[in-house]
Amino acid sequence: MRPGMQLRAAAVMVAAGLLAGCAGLARQEPVHVSVIGIEPLPGEGMEVRMAVKLRIQNPDEAPLDYDGISLALDLRGAAFATGVSAERGTVPRFGEAVVTVPVSFRRWRPCARRSTWPPTT
């Protein structure tokens, strides 16, 4: 093989190795998140607060570490409630975990969109 061809072959092998390494870092399957419970929390003024329990399922071969959670809930395509939690943990490979995130919303927010409130059946 000529020196130029050897260099190209080596470059292709290095690029393939880098791509294979990066592919190993990428998640193969998306994480599944479900709301499994909502409990009231004390609020202030017009604010309503709730503790939202989430079940996080990891369908991947690698464990999923998390350090903080941000949650935005939509209702009929409109922002409904938001919250954050400093909770940290790990969802095991092919496993699940339950986390709780406190969220808040204002009582009048759903009424602000007259086109979708009250709900029609």
PDB file of N, CA and C in Angstrom:
ATOM      1  N   MET A   1       0.851  -1.175   0.000  1.00  0.00           N
ATOM      2  CA  MET A   1       0.000   0.000   0.000  1.00  0.00           C
ATOM      3  C   MET A   1       0.892   1.231   0.000  1.00  0.00           C
ATOM      4  N   ARG A   2       0.527   2.235  -0.765  1.00  0.00           N
ATOM      5  CA  ARG A   2       1.298   3.481  -0.816  1.00  0.00           C
ATOM      6  C   ARG A   2       1.156   4.227   0.507  1.00  0.00           C
ATOM      7  N   PRO A   3       2.137   5.099   0.867  1.00  0.00           N
ATOM      8  CA  PRO A   3       2.067   5.851   2.122  1.00  0.00           C
ATOM      9  C   PRO A   3       0.815   6.710   2.210  1.00  0.00           C
ATOM     10  N   GLY A   4       0.380   7.320   1.115  1.00  0.00           N
ATOM     11  CA  GLY A   4      -0.827   8.154   1.127  1.00  0.00           C
ATOM     12  C   GLY A   4      -2.069   7.334   1.435  1.00  0.00           C
ATOM     13  N   MET A   5      -2.123   6.122   0.879  1.00  0.00           N
ATOM     14  CA  MET A   5      -3.262   5.238   1.124  1.00  0.00           C
ATOM     15  C   MET A   5      -3.260   4.753   2.582  1.00  0.00           C
ATOM     16  N   GLN A   6      -2.063   4.484   3.128  1.00  0.00           N
ATOM     17  CA  GLN A   6      -1.975   4.054   4.520  1.00  0.00           C
ATOM     18  C   GLN A   6      -2.478   5.147   5.454  1.00  0.00           C
ATOM     19  N   LEU A   7      -2.113   6.396   5.134  1.00  0.00           N
ATOM     20  CA  LEU A   7      -2.557   7.521   5.955  1.00  0.00           C
ATOM     21  C   LEU A   7      -4.075   7.656   5.900  1.00  0.00           C
ATOM     22  N   ARG A   8      -4.640   7.516   4.711  1.00  0.00           N
ATOM     23  CA  ARG A   8      -6.108   7.599   4.580  1.00  0.00           C
ATOM     24  C   ARG A   8      -6.785   6.459   5.340  1.00  0.00           C
ATOM     25  N   ALA A   9      -6.227   5.255   5.202  1.00  0.00           N
ATOM     26  CA  ALA A   9      -6.810   4.102   5.897  1.00  0.00           C
ATOM     27  C   ALA A   9      -6.744   4.312   7.405  1.00  0.00           C
ATOM     28  N   ALA A  10      -5.626   4.853   7.899  1.00  0.00           N
ATOM     29  CA  ALA A  10      -5.484   5.119   9.329  1.00  0.00           C
ATOM     30  C   ALA A  10      -6.475   6.187   9.768  1.00  0.00           C
ATOM     31  N   ALA A  11      -6.647   7.227   8.949  1.00  0.00           N
ATOM     32  CA  ALA A  11      -7.593   8.299   9.284  1.00  0.00           C
ATOM     33  C   ALA A  11      -9.019   7.756   9.336  1.00  0.00           C
ATOM     34  N   VAL A  12      -9.356   6.889   8.398  1.00  0.00           N
ATOM     35  CA  VAL A  12     -10.697   6.295   8.383  1.00  0.00           C
ATOM     36  C   VAL A  12     -10.891   5.429   9.625  1.00  0.00           C
ATOM     37  N   MET A  13      -9.870   4.660  10.004  1.00  0.00           N
ATOM     38  CA  MET A  13      -9.979   3.801  11.189  1.00  0.00           C
ATOM     39  C   MET A  13     -10.137   4.644  12.452  1.00  0.00           C
ATOM     40  N   VAL A  14      -9.381   5.741  12.563  1.00  0.00           N
ATOM     41  CA  VAL A  14      -9.494   6.615  13.729  1.00  0.00           C
ATOM     42  C   VAL A  14     -10.879   7.247  13.770  1.00  0.00           C
ATOM     43  N   ALA A  15     -11.367   7.741  12.618  1.00  0.00           N
ATOM     44  CA  ALA A  15     -12.699   8.351  12.567  1.00  0.00           C
ATOM     45  C   ALA A  15     -13.772   7.328  12.948  1.00  0.00           C
ATOM     46  N   ALA A  16     -13.644   6.099  12.455  1.00  0.00           N
ATOM     47  CA  ALA A  16     -14.629   5.069  12.783  1.00  0.00           C
ATOM     48  C   ALA A  16     -14.587   4.764  14.282  1.00  0.00           C
ATOM     49  N   GLY A  17     -13.382   4.721  14.852  1.00  0.00           N
ATOM     50  CA  GLY A  17     -13.259   4.480  16.289  1.00  0.00           C
ATOM     51  C   GLY A  17     -13.880   5.595  17.107  1.00  0.00           C
ATOM     52  N   LEU A  18     -13.670   6.852  16.680  1.00  0.00           N
ATOM     53  CA  LEU A  18     -14.260   7.985  17.389  1.00  0.00           C
ATOM     54  C   LEU A  18     -15.774   7.955  17.300  1.00  0.00           C
ATOM     55  N   LEU A  19     -16.305   7.635  16.111  1.00  0.00           N
ATOM     56  CA  LEU A  19     -17.754   7.569  15.951  1.00  0.00           C
ATOM     57  C   LEU A  19     -18.339   6.444  16.791  1.00  0.00           C
ATOM     58  N   ALA A  20     -17.656   5.318  16.850  1.00  0.00           N
ATOM     59  CA  ALA A  20     -18.149   4.208  17.669  1.00  0.00           C
ATOM     60  C   ALA A  20     -18.133   4.604  19.143  1.00  0.00           C
ATOM     61  N   GLY A  21     -17.100   5.321  19.580  1.00  0.00           N
ATOM     62  CA  GLY A  21     -17.031   5.775  20.964  1.00  0.00           C
ATOM     63  C   GLY A  21     -18.139   6.757  21.286  1.00  0.00           C
ATOM     64  N   CYS A  22     -18.400   7.687  20.373  1.00  0.00           N
ATOM     65  CA  CYS A  22     -19.472   8.662  20.592  1.00  0.00           C
ATOM     66  C   CYS A  22     -20.832   7.983  20.577  1.00  0.00           C
ATOM     67  N   ALA A  23     -20.991   6.979  19.731  1.00  0.00           N
ATOM     68  CA  ALA A  23     -22.266   6.265  19.680  1.00  0.00           C
ATOM     69  C   ALA A  23     -22.520   5.565  21.001  1.00  0.00           C
ATOM     70  N   GLY A  24     -21.458   5.119  21.666  1.00  0.00           N
ATOM     71  CA  GLY A  24     -21.617   4.477  22.961  1.00  0.00           C
ATOM     72  C   GLY A  24     -22.095   5.449  24.022  1.00  0.00           C
ATOM     73  N   LEU A  25     -21.786   6.743  23.856  1.00  0.00           N
ATOM     74  CA  LEU A  25     -22.225   7.752  24.816  1.00  0.00           C
ATOM     75  C   LEU A  25     -23.670   8.153  24.603  1.00  0.00           C
ATOM     76  N   ALA A  26     -24.181   8.001  23.402  1.00  0.00           N
ATOM     77  CA  ALA A  26     -25.546   8.417  23.089  1.00  0.00           C
ATOM     78  C   ALA A  26     -26.541   7.410  23.657  1.00  0.00           C
ATOM     79  N   ARG A  27     -27.677   7.912  24.087  1.00  0.00           N
ATOM     80  CA  ARG A  27     -28.732   7.033  24.579  1.00  0.00           C
ATOM     81  C   ARG A  27     -29.401   6.377  23.382  1.00  0.00           C
ATOM     82  N   GLN A  28     -29.647   5.093  23.499  1.00  0.00           N
ATOM     83  CA  GLN A  28     -30.281   4.356  22.416  1.00  0.00           C
ATOM     84  C   GLN A  28     -31.799   4.541  22.421  1.00  0.00           C
ATOM     85  N   GLU A  29     -32.387   4.528  23.589  1.00  0.00           N
ATOM     86  CA  GLU A  29     -33.836   4.647  23.728  1.00  0.00           C
ATOM     87  C   GLU A  29     -34.169   5.875  24.572  1.00  0.00           C
ATOM     88  N   PRO A  30     -35.249   6.576  24.265  1.00  0.00           N
ATOM     89  CA  PRO A  30     -35.629   7.722  25.103  1.00  0.00           C
ATOM     90  C   PRO A  30     -36.151   7.257  26.457  1.00  0.00           C
ATOM     91  N   VAL A  31     -35.942   8.096  27.459  1.00  0.00           N
ATOM     92  CA  VAL A  31     -36.440   7.823  28.802  1.00  0.00           C
ATOM     93  C   VAL A  31     -37.951   8.028  28.802  1.00  0.00           C
ATOM     94  N   HIS A  32     -38.678   7.172  29.514  1.00  0.00           N
ATOM     95  CA  HIS A  32     -40.135   7.294  29.622  1.00  0.00           C
ATOM     96  C   HIS A  32     -40.475   7.924  30.970  1.00  0.00           C
ATOM     97  N   VAL A  33     -41.309   8.971  30.955  1.00  0.00           N
ATOM     98  CA  VAL A  33     -41.710   9.652  32.186  1.00  0.00           C
ATOM     99  C   VAL A  33     -43.230   9.687  32.247  1.00  0.00           C
ATOM    100  N   SER A  34     -43.789   9.250  33.377  1.00  0.00           N
ATOM    101  CA  SER A  34     -45.242   9.251  33.568  1.00  0.00           C
ATOM    102  C   SER A  34     -45.579   9.943  34.880  1.00  0.00           C
ATOM    103  N   VAL A  35     -46.680  10.692  34.882  1.00  0.00           N
ATOM    104  CA  VAL A  35     -47.200  11.277  36.115  1.00  0.00           C
ATOM    105  C   VAL A  35     -47.992  10.177  36.813  1.00  0.00           C
ATOM    106  N   ILE A  36     -47.595   9.851  38.059  1.00  0.00           N
ATOM    107  CA  ILE A  36     -48.278   8.766  38.778  1.00  0.00           C
ATOM    108  C   ILE A  36     -49.026   9.260  40.011  1.00  0.00           C
ATOM    109  N   GLY A  37     -48.879  10.544  40.339  1.00  0.00           N
ATOM    110  CA  GLY A  37     -49.600  11.067  41.494  1.00  0.00           C
ATOM    111  C   GLY A  37     -49.444  12.565  41.632  1.00  0.00           C
ATOM    112  N   ILE A  38     -50.459  13.187  42.192  1.00  0.00           N
ATOM    113  CA  ILE A  38     -50.440  14.627  42.456  1.00  0.00           C
ATOM    114  C   ILE A  38     -51.046  14.838  43.841  1.00  0.00           C
ATOM    115  N   GLU A  39     -50.298  15.524  44.715  1.00  0.00           N
ATOM    116  CA  GLU A  39     -50.768  15.799  46.068  1.00  0.00           C
ATOM    117  C   GLU A  39     -50.669  17.291  46.339  1.00  0.00           C
ATOM    118  N   PRO A  40     -51.611  17.866  47.073  1.00  0.00           N
ATOM    119  CA  PRO A  40     -51.576  19.307  47.354  1.00  0.00           C
ATOM    120  C   PRO A  40     -50.446  19.676  48.316  1.00  0.00           C
ATOM    121  N   LEU A  41     -49.898  20.875  48.109  1.00  0.00           N
ATOM    122  CA  LEU A  41     -48.912  21.476  49.001  1.00  0.00           C
ATOM    123  C   LEU A  41     -49.425  22.854  49.419  1.00  0.00           C
ATOM    124  N   PRO A  42     -48.967  23.398  50.529  1.00  0.00           N
ATOM    125  CA  PRO A  42     -49.379  24.753  50.908  1.00  0.00           C
ATOM    126  C   PRO A  42     -48.907  25.771  49.876  1.00  0.00           C
ATOM    127  N   GLY A  43     -49.767  26.731  49.526  1.00  0.00           N
ATOM    128  CA  GLY A  43     -49.429  27.797  48.586  1.00  0.00           C
ATOM    129  C   GLY A  43     -49.575  29.145  49.245  1.00  0.00           C
ATOM    130  N   GLU A  44     -49.265  30.184  48.477  1.00  0.00           N
ATOM    131  CA  GLU A  44     -49.391  31.545  48.989  1.00  0.00           C
ATOM    132  C   GLU A  44     -50.222  32.378  48.027  1.00  0.00           C
ATOM    133  N   GLY A  45     -51.143  33.175  48.566  1.00  0.00           N
ATOM    134  CA  GLY A  45     -51.946  34.058  47.733  1.00  0.00           C
ATOM    135  C   GLY A  45     -52.736  33.290  46.690  1.00  0.00           C
ATOM    136  N   MET A  46     -52.568  33.688  45.434  1.00  0.00           N
ATOM    137  CA  MET A  46     -53.282  33.054  44.320  1.00  0.00           C
ATOM    138  C   MET A  46     -52.562  31.811  43.802  1.00  0.00           C
ATOM    139  N   GLU A  47     -51.456  31.469  44.417  1.00  0.00           N
ATOM    140  CA  GLU A  47     -50.647  30.346  43.946  1.00  0.00           C
ATOM    141  C   GLU A  47     -51.181  29.020  44.475  1.00  0.00           C
ATOM    142  N   VAL A  48     -51.208  28.045  43.626  1.00  0.00           N
ATOM    143  CA  VAL A  48     -51.552  26.680  44.018  1.00  0.00           C
ATOM    144  C   VAL A  48     -50.297  25.838  43.794  1.00  0.00           C
ATOM    145  N   ARG A  49     -49.930  25.076  44.813  1.00  0.00           N
ATOM    146  CA  ARG A  49     -48.736  24.236  44.713  1.00  0.00           C
ATOM    147  C   ARG A  49     -49.129  22.776  44.880  1.00  0.00           C
ATOM    148  N   MET A  50     -48.441  21.932  44.144  1.00  0.00           N
ATOM    149  CA  MET A  50     -48.699  20.505  44.214  1.00  0.00           C
ATOM    150  C   MET A  50     -47.385  19.745  44.105  1.00  0.00           C
ATOM    151  N   ALA A  51     -47.352  18.583  44.720  1.00  0.00           N
ATOM    152  CA  ALA A  51     -46.215  17.671  44.589  1.00  0.00           C
ATOM    153  C   ALA A  51     -46.584  16.664  43.504  1.00  0.00           C
ATOM    154  N   VAL A  52     -45.832  16.678  42.413  1.00  0.00           N
ATOM    155  CA  VAL A  52     -46.094  15.769  41.293  1.00  0.00           C
ATOM    156  C   VAL A  52     -45.116  14.605  41.385  1.00  0.00           C
ATOM    157  N   LYS A  53     -45.660  13.394  41.462  1.00  0.00           N
ATOM    158  CA  LYS A  53     -44.822  12.199  41.493  1.00  0.00           C
ATOM    159  C   LYS A  53     -44.668  11.678  40.070  1.00  0.00           C
ATOM    160  N   LEU A  54     -43.417  11.439  39.698  1.00  0.00           N
ATOM    161  CA  LEU A  54     -43.096  10.971  38.354  1.00  0.00           C
ATOM    162  C   LEU A  54     -42.441   9.597  38.432  1.00  0.00           C
ATOM    163  N   ARG A  55     -42.817   8.725  37.518  1.00  0.00           N
ATOM    164  CA  ARG A  55     -42.118   7.452  37.361  1.00  0.00           C
ATOM    165  C   ARG A  55     -41.220   7.593  36.139  1.00  0.00           C
ATOM    166  N   ILE A  56     -39.912   7.429  36.355  1.00  0.00           N
ATOM    167  CA  ILE A  56     -38.933   7.527  35.276  1.00  0.00           C
ATOM    168  C   ILE A  56     -38.465   6.122  34.953  1.00  0.00           C
ATOM    169  N   GLN A  57     -38.644   5.713  33.700  1.00  0.00           N
ATOM    170  CA  GLN A  57     -38.229   4.387  33.260  1.00  0.00           C
ATOM    171  C   GLN A  57     -37.056   4.519  32.294  1.00  0.00           C
ATOM    172  N   ASN A  58     -36.012   3.763  32.551  1.00  0.00           N
ATOM    173  CA  ASN A  58     -34.804   3.787  31.740  1.00  0.00           C
ATOM    174  C   ASN A  58     -34.734   2.499  30.921  1.00  0.00           C
ATOM    175  N   PRO A  59     -35.058   2.558  29.621  1.00  0.00           N
ATOM    176  CA  PRO A  59     -35.029   1.350  28.795  1.00  0.00           C
ATOM    177  C   PRO A  59     -33.652   1.097  28.167  1.00  0.00           C
ATOM    178  N   ASP A  60     -32.609   1.667  28.742  1.00  0.00           N
ATOM    179  CA  ASP A  60     -31.269   1.566  28.184  1.00  0.00           C
ATOM    180  C   ASP A  60     -30.397   0.609  28.988  1.00  0.00           C
ATOM    181  N   GLU A  61     -29.289   0.210  28.400  1.00  0.00           N
ATOM    182  CA  GLU A  61     -28.348  -0.700  29.053  1.00  0.00           C
ATOM    183  C   GLU A  61     -27.495  -0.001  30.108  1.00  0.00           C
ATOM    184  N   ALA A  62     -27.404   1.315  30.060  1.00  0.00           N
ATOM    185  CA  ALA A  62     -26.574   2.063  30.999  1.00  0.00           C
ATOM    186  C   ALA A  62     -27.453   2.753  32.031  1.00  0.00           C
ATOM    187  N   PRO A  63     -27.002   2.845  33.288  1.00  0.00           N
ATOM    188  CA  PRO A  63     -27.775   3.589  34.286  1.00  0.00           C
ATOM    189  C   PRO A  63     -27.836   5.072  33.934  1.00  0.00           C
ATOM    190  N   LEU A  64     -28.860   5.742  34.394  1.00  0.00           N
ATOM    191  CA  LEU A  64     -29.068   7.161  34.111  1.00  0.00           C
ATOM    192  C   LEU A  64     -28.916   7.945  35.413  1.00  0.00           C
ATOM    193  N   ASP A  65     -27.863   8.747  35.517  1.00  0.00           N
ATOM    194  CA  ASP A  65     -27.650   9.602  36.683  1.00  0.00           C
ATOM    195  C   ASP A  65     -28.308  10.950  36.437  1.00  0.00           C
ATOM    196  N   TYR A  66     -28.961  11.494  37.451  1.00  0.00           N
ATOM    197  CA  TYR A  66     -29.537  12.836  37.329  1.00  0.00           C
ATOM    198  C   TYR A  66     -29.178  13.635  38.565  1.00  0.00           C
ATOM    199  N   ASP A  67     -29.015  14.934  38.370  1.00  0.00           N
ATOM    200  CA  ASP A  67     -28.680  15.862  39.453  1.00  0.00           C
ATOM    201  C   ASP A  67     -29.528  17.106  39.250  1.00  0.00           C
ATOM    202  N   GLY A  68     -30.751  17.068  39.726  1.00  0.00           N
ATOM    203  CA  GLY A  68     -31.703  18.162  39.525  1.00  0.00           C
ATOM    204  C   GLY A  68     -32.724  17.791  38.476  1.00  0.00           C
ATOM    205  N   ILE A  69     -33.941  18.283  38.681  1.00  0.00           N
ATOM    206  CA  ILE A  69     -35.049  17.998  37.764  1.00  0.00           C
ATOM    207  C   ILE A  69     -35.806  19.284  37.507  1.00  0.00           C
ATOM    208  N   SER A  70     -36.139  19.520  36.261  1.00  0.00           N
ATOM    209  CA  SER A  70     -36.982  20.640  35.872  1.00  0.00           C
ATOM    210  C   SER A  70     -38.212  20.053  35.188  1.00  0.00           C
ATOM    211  N   LEU A  71     -39.389  20.530  35.595  1.00  0.00           N
ATOM    212  CA  LEU A  71     -40.635  19.963  35.073  1.00  0.00           C
ATOM    213  C   LEU A  71     -41.537  21.077  34.572  1.00  0.00           C
ATOM    214  N   ALA A  72     -42.081  20.903  33.377  1.00  0.00           N
ATOM    215  CA  ALA A  72     -43.082  21.821  32.820  1.00  0.00           C
ATOM    216  C   ALA A  72     -44.255  20.970  32.357  1.00  0.00           C
ATOM    217  N   LEU A  73     -45.427  21.237  32.914  1.00  0.00           N
ATOM    218  CA  LEU A  73     -46.635  20.508  32.533  1.00  0.00           C
ATOM    219  C   LEU A  73     -47.485  21.379  31.617  1.00  0.00           C
ATOM    220  N   ASP A  74     -47.951  20.781  30.533  1.00  0.00           N
ATOM    221  CA  ASP A  74     -48.831  21.467  29.593  1.00  0.00           C
ATOM    222  C   ASP A  74     -50.221  20.854  29.695  1.00  0.00           C
ATOM    223  N   LEU A  75     -51.231  21.683  29.539  1.00  0.00           N
ATOM    224  CA  LEU A  75     -52.611  21.238  29.528  1.00  0.00           C
ATOM    225  C   LEU A  75     -53.235  21.764  28.252  1.00  0.00           C
ATOM    226  N   ARG A  76     -53.620  20.867  27.368  1.00  0.00           N
ATOM    227  CA  ARG A  76     -54.192  21.249  26.077  1.00  0.00           C
ATOM    228  C   ARG A  76     -53.265  22.169  25.297  1.00  0.00           C
ATOM    229  N   GLY A  77     -51.974  21.886  25.353  1.00  0.00           N
ATOM    230  CA  GLY A  77     -51.000  22.645  24.585  1.00  0.00           C
ATOM    231  C   GLY A  77     -50.557  23.953  25.210  1.00  0.00           C
ATOM    232  N   ALA A  78     -51.088  24.306  26.380  1.00  0.00           N
ATOM    233  CA  ALA A  78     -50.712  25.563  27.034  1.00  0.00           C
ATOM    234  C   ALA A  78     -49.952  25.252  28.324  1.00  0.00           C
ATOM    235  N   ALA A  79     -48.967  26.106  28.645  1.00  0.00           N
ATOM    236  CA  ALA A  79     -48.210  25.941  29.884  1.00  0.00           C
ATOM    237  C   ALA A  79     -49.178  25.967  31.063  1.00  0.00           C
ATOM    238  N   PHE A  80     -49.067  24.999  31.942  1.00  0.00           N
ATOM    239  CA  PHE A  80     -50.008  24.859  33.048  1.00  0.00           C
ATOM    240  C   PHE A  80     -49.322  24.991  34.403  1.00  0.00           C
ATOM    241  N   ALA A  81     -48.192  24.307  34.579  1.00  0.00           N
ATOM    242  CA  ALA A  81     -47.473  24.336  35.846  1.00  0.00           C
ATOM    243  C   ALA A  81     -45.998  24.070  35.601  1.00  0.00           C
ATOM    244  N   THR A  82     -45.157  24.637  36.475  1.00  0.00           N
ATOM    245  CA  THR A  82     -43.720  24.412  36.374  1.00  0.00           C
ATOM    246  C   THR A  82     -43.150  24.168  37.765  1.00  0.00           C
ATOM    247  N   GLY A  83     -42.004  23.483  37.791  1.00  0.00           N
ATOM    248  CA  GLY A  83     -41.351  23.235  39.062  1.00  0.00           C
ATOM    249  C   GLY A  83     -39.944  22.708  38.868  1.00  0.00           C
ATOM    250  N   VAL A  84     -39.171  22.763  39.925  1.00  0.00           N
ATOM    251  CA  VAL A  84     -37.805  22.242  39.922  1.00  0.00           C
ATOM    252  C   VAL A  84     -37.555  21.511  41.232  1.00  0.00           C
ATOM    253  N   SER A  85     -36.577  20.612  41.202  1.00  0.00           N
ATOM    254  CA  SER A  85     -36.169  19.884  42.393  1.00  0.00           C
ATOM    255  C   SER A  85     -34.664  19.683  42.333  1.00  0.00           C
ATOM    256  N   ALA A  86     -34.003  19.794  43.476  1.00  0.00           N
ATOM    257  CA  ALA A  86     -32.562  19.575  43.550  1.00  0.00           C
ATOM    258  C   ALA A  86     -32.241  18.102  43.804  1.00  0.00           C
ATOM    259  N   GLU A  87     -33.231  17.259  43.705  1.00  0.00           N
ATOM    260  CA  GLU A  87     -33.051  15.826  43.958  1.00  0.00           C
ATOM    261  C   GLU A  87     -32.023  15.239  42.989  1.00  0.00           C
ATOM    262  N   ARG A  88     -31.234  14.299  43.494  1.00  0.00           N
ATOM    263  CA  ARG A  88     -30.280  13.605  42.634  1.00  0.00           C
ATOM    264  C   ARG A  88     -30.401  12.114  42.878  1.00  0.00           C
ATOM    265  N   GLY A  89     -30.034  11.358  41.872  1.00  0.00           N
ATOM    266  CA  GLY A  89     -30.114   9.913  42.017  1.00  0.00           C
ATOM    267  C   GLY A  89     -29.729   9.220  40.732  1.00  0.00           C
ATOM    268  N   THR A  90     -30.045   7.941  40.679  1.00  0.00           N
ATOM    269  CA  THR A  90     -29.732   7.117  39.524  1.00  0.00           C
ATOM    270  C   THR A  90     -30.930   6.249  39.194  1.00  0.00           C
ATOM    271  N   VAL A  91     -31.259   6.183  37.922  1.00  0.00           N
ATOM    272  CA  VAL A  91     -32.262   5.233  37.444  1.00  0.00           C
ATOM    273  C   VAL A  91     -31.455   4.053  36.900  1.00  0.00           C
ATOM    274  N   PRO A  92     -31.617   2.867  37.477  1.00  0.00           N
ATOM    275  CA  PRO A  92     -30.789   1.740  37.048  1.00  0.00           C
ATOM    276  C   PRO A  92     -31.060   1.330  35.599  1.00  0.00           C
ATOM    277  N   ARG A  93     -30.111   0.629  35.039  1.00  0.00           N
ATOM    278  CA  ARG A  93     -30.275   0.140  33.669  1.00  0.00           C
ATOM    279  C   ARG A  93     -31.501  -0.772  33.625  1.00  0.00           C
ATOM    280  N   PHE A  94     -32.325  -0.593  32.621  1.00  0.00           N
ATOM    281  CA  PHE A  94     -33.574  -1.324  32.465  1.00  0.00           C
ATOM    282  C   PHE A  94     -34.390  -1.292  33.759  1.00  0.00           C
ATOM    283  N   GLY A  95     -34.377  -0.135  34.431  1.00  0.00           N
ATOM    284  CA  GLY A  95     -35.089  -0.008  35.694  1.00  0.00           C
ATOM    285  C   GLY A  95     -35.915   1.259  35.739  1.00  0.00           C
ATOM    286  N   GLU A  96     -36.406   1.549  36.923  1.00  0.00           N
ATOM    287  CA  GLU A  96     -37.240   2.740  37.096  1.00  0.00           C
ATOM    288  C   GLU A  96     -37.029   3.333  38.475  1.00  0.00           C
ATOM    289  N   ALA A  97     -37.437   4.587  38.605  1.00  0.00           N
ATOM    290  CA  ALA A  97     -37.357   5.306  39.873  1.00  0.00           C
ATOM    291  C   ALA A  97     -38.554   6.243  39.953  1.00  0.00           C
ATOM    292  N   VAL A  98     -38.965   6.549  41.188  1.00  0.00           N
ATOM    293  CA  VAL A  98     -40.042   7.500  41.421  1.00  0.00           C
ATOM    294  C   VAL A  98     -39.434   8.742  42.069  1.00  0.00           C
ATOM    295  N   VAL A  99     -39.730   9.910  41.483  1.00  0.00           N
ATOM    296  CA  VAL A  99     -39.242  11.179  42.025  1.00  0.00           C
ATOM    297  C   VAL A  99     -40.433  12.107  42.236  1.00  0.00           C
ATOM    298  N   THR A 100     -40.279  13.051  43.171  1.00  0.00           N
ATOM    299  CA  THR A 100     -41.332  14.018  43.459  1.00  0.00           C
ATOM    300  C   THR A 100     -40.801  15.415  43.168  1.00  0.00           C
ATOM    301  N   VAL A 101     -41.581  16.190  42.404  1.00  0.00           N
ATOM    302  CA  VAL A 101     -41.200  17.558  42.042  1.00  0.00           C
ATOM    303  C   VAL A 101     -42.321  18.495  42.484  1.00  0.00           C
ATOM    304  N   PRO A 102     -42.017  19.500  43.330  1.00  0.00           N
ATOM    305  CA  PRO A 102     -43.037  20.487  43.670  1.00  0.00           C
ATOM    306  C   PRO A 102     -43.253  21.440  42.495  1.00  0.00           C
ATOM    307  N   VAL A 103     -44.510  21.647  42.124  1.00  0.00           N
ATOM    308  CA  VAL A 103     -44.839  22.562  41.020  1.00  0.00           C
ATOM    309  C   VAL A 103     -45.817  23.612  41.510  1.00  0.00           C
ATOM    310  N   SER A 104     -45.892  24.707  40.781  1.00  0.00           N
ATOM    311  CA  SER A 104     -46.862  25.747  41.127  1.00  0.00           C
ATOM    312  C   SER A 104     -47.525  26.268  39.865  1.00  0.00           C
ATOM    313  N   PHE A 105     -48.751  26.723  40.041  1.00  0.00           N
ATOM    314  CA  PHE A 105     -49.485  27.409  38.978  1.00  0.00           C
ATOM    315  C   PHE A 105     -50.480  28.342  39.635  1.00  0.00           C
ATOM    316  N   ARG A 106     -50.890  29.345  38.891  1.00  0.00           N
ATOM    317  CA  ARG A 106     -51.885  30.271  39.419  1.00  0.00           C
ATOM    318  C   ARG A 106     -53.275  29.764  39.065  1.00  0.00           C
ATOM    319  N   ARG A 107     -54.194  29.915  39.972  1.00  0.00           N
ATOM    320  CA  ARG A 107     -55.549  29.371  39.776  1.00  0.00           C
ATOM    321  C   ARG A 107     -56.228  29.922  38.535  1.00  0.00           C
ATOM    322  N   TRP A 108     -55.960  31.154  38.215  1.00  0.00           N
ATOM    323  CA  TRP A 108     -56.675  31.780  37.102  1.00  0.00           C
ATOM    324  C   TRP A 108     -56.037  31.497  35.764  1.00  0.00           C
ATOM    325  N   ARG A 109     -54.860  30.901  35.713  1.00  0.00           N
ATOM    326  CA  ARG A 109     -54.177  30.687  34.439  1.00  0.00           C
ATOM    327  C   ARG A 109     -55.016  29.884  33.439  1.00  0.00           C
ATOM    328  N   PRO A 110     -55.685  28.779  33.831  1.00  0.00           N
ATOM    329  CA  PRO A 110     -56.491  28.055  32.839  1.00  0.00           C
ATOM    330  C   PRO A 110     -57.644  28.889  32.305  1.00  0.00           C
ATOM    331  N   CYS A 111     -58.143  29.833  33.102  1.00  0.00           N
ATOM    332  CA  CYS A 111     -59.267  30.654  32.663  1.00  0.00           C
ATOM    333  C   CYS A 111     -58.830  31.744  31.693  1.00  0.00           C
ATOM    334  N   ALA A 112     -57.544  32.008  31.609  1.00  0.00           N
ATOM    335  CA  ALA A 112     -57.060  33.089  30.751  1.00  0.00           C
ATOM    336  C   ALA A 112     -57.280  32.781  29.280  1.00  0.00           C
ATOM    337  N   ARG A 113     -57.345  31.534  28.920  1.00  0.00           N
ATOM    338  CA  ARG A 113     -57.562  31.160  27.529  1.00  0.00           C
ATOM    339  C   ARG A 113     -59.025  30.777  27.341  1.00  0.00           C
ATOM    340  N   ARG A 114     -59.849  31.718  27.028  1.00  0.00           N
ATOM    341  CA  ARG A 114     -61.290  31.476  26.897  1.00  0.00           C
ATOM    342  C   ARG A 114     -61.587  30.451  25.813  1.00  0.00           C
ATOM    343  N   SER A 115     -60.701  30.333  24.814  1.00  0.00           N
ATOM    344  CA  SER A 115     -60.989  29.424  23.720  1.00  0.00           C
ATOM    345  C   SER A 115     -60.942  27.956  24.161  1.00  0.00           C
ATOM    346  N   THR A 116     -60.237  27.653  25.259  1.00  0.00           N
ATOM    347  CA  THR A 116     -60.134  26.257  25.691  1.00  0.00           C
ATOM    348  C   THR A 116     -60.720  26.036  27.077  1.00  0.00           C
ATOM    349  N   TRP A 117     -61.260  27.063  27.718  1.00  0.00           N
ATOM    350  CA  TRP A 117     -61.824  26.886  29.045  1.00  0.00           C
ATOM    351  C   TRP A 117     -63.206  27.459  29.119  1.00  0.00           C
ATOM    352  N   PRO A 118     -64.194  26.848  29.575  1.00  0.00           N
ATOM    353  CA  PRO A 118     -64.163  25.522  30.146  1.00  0.00           C
ATOM    354  C   PRO A 118     -64.013  24.467  29.059  1.00  0.00           C
ATOM    355  N   PRO A 119     -63.511  23.291  29.428  1.00  0.00           N
ATOM    356  CA  PRO A 119     -63.313  22.230  28.438  1.00  0.00           C
ATOM    357  C   PRO A 119     -64.620  21.824  27.798  1.00  0.00           C
ATOM    358  N   THR A 120     -64.572  21.528  26.549  1.00  0.00           N
ATOM    359  CA  THR A 120     -65.759  21.050  25.840  1.00  0.00           C
ATOM    360  C   THR A 120     -65.603  19.557  25.604  1.00  0.00           C
ATOM    361  N   THR A 121     -66.698  18.878  25.572  1.00  0.00           N
ATOM    362  CA  THR A 121     -66.629  17.418  25.363  1.00  0.00           C
ATOM    363  C   THR A 121     -67.116  17.033  24.008  1.00  0.00           C
TER     364      THR A 121
END
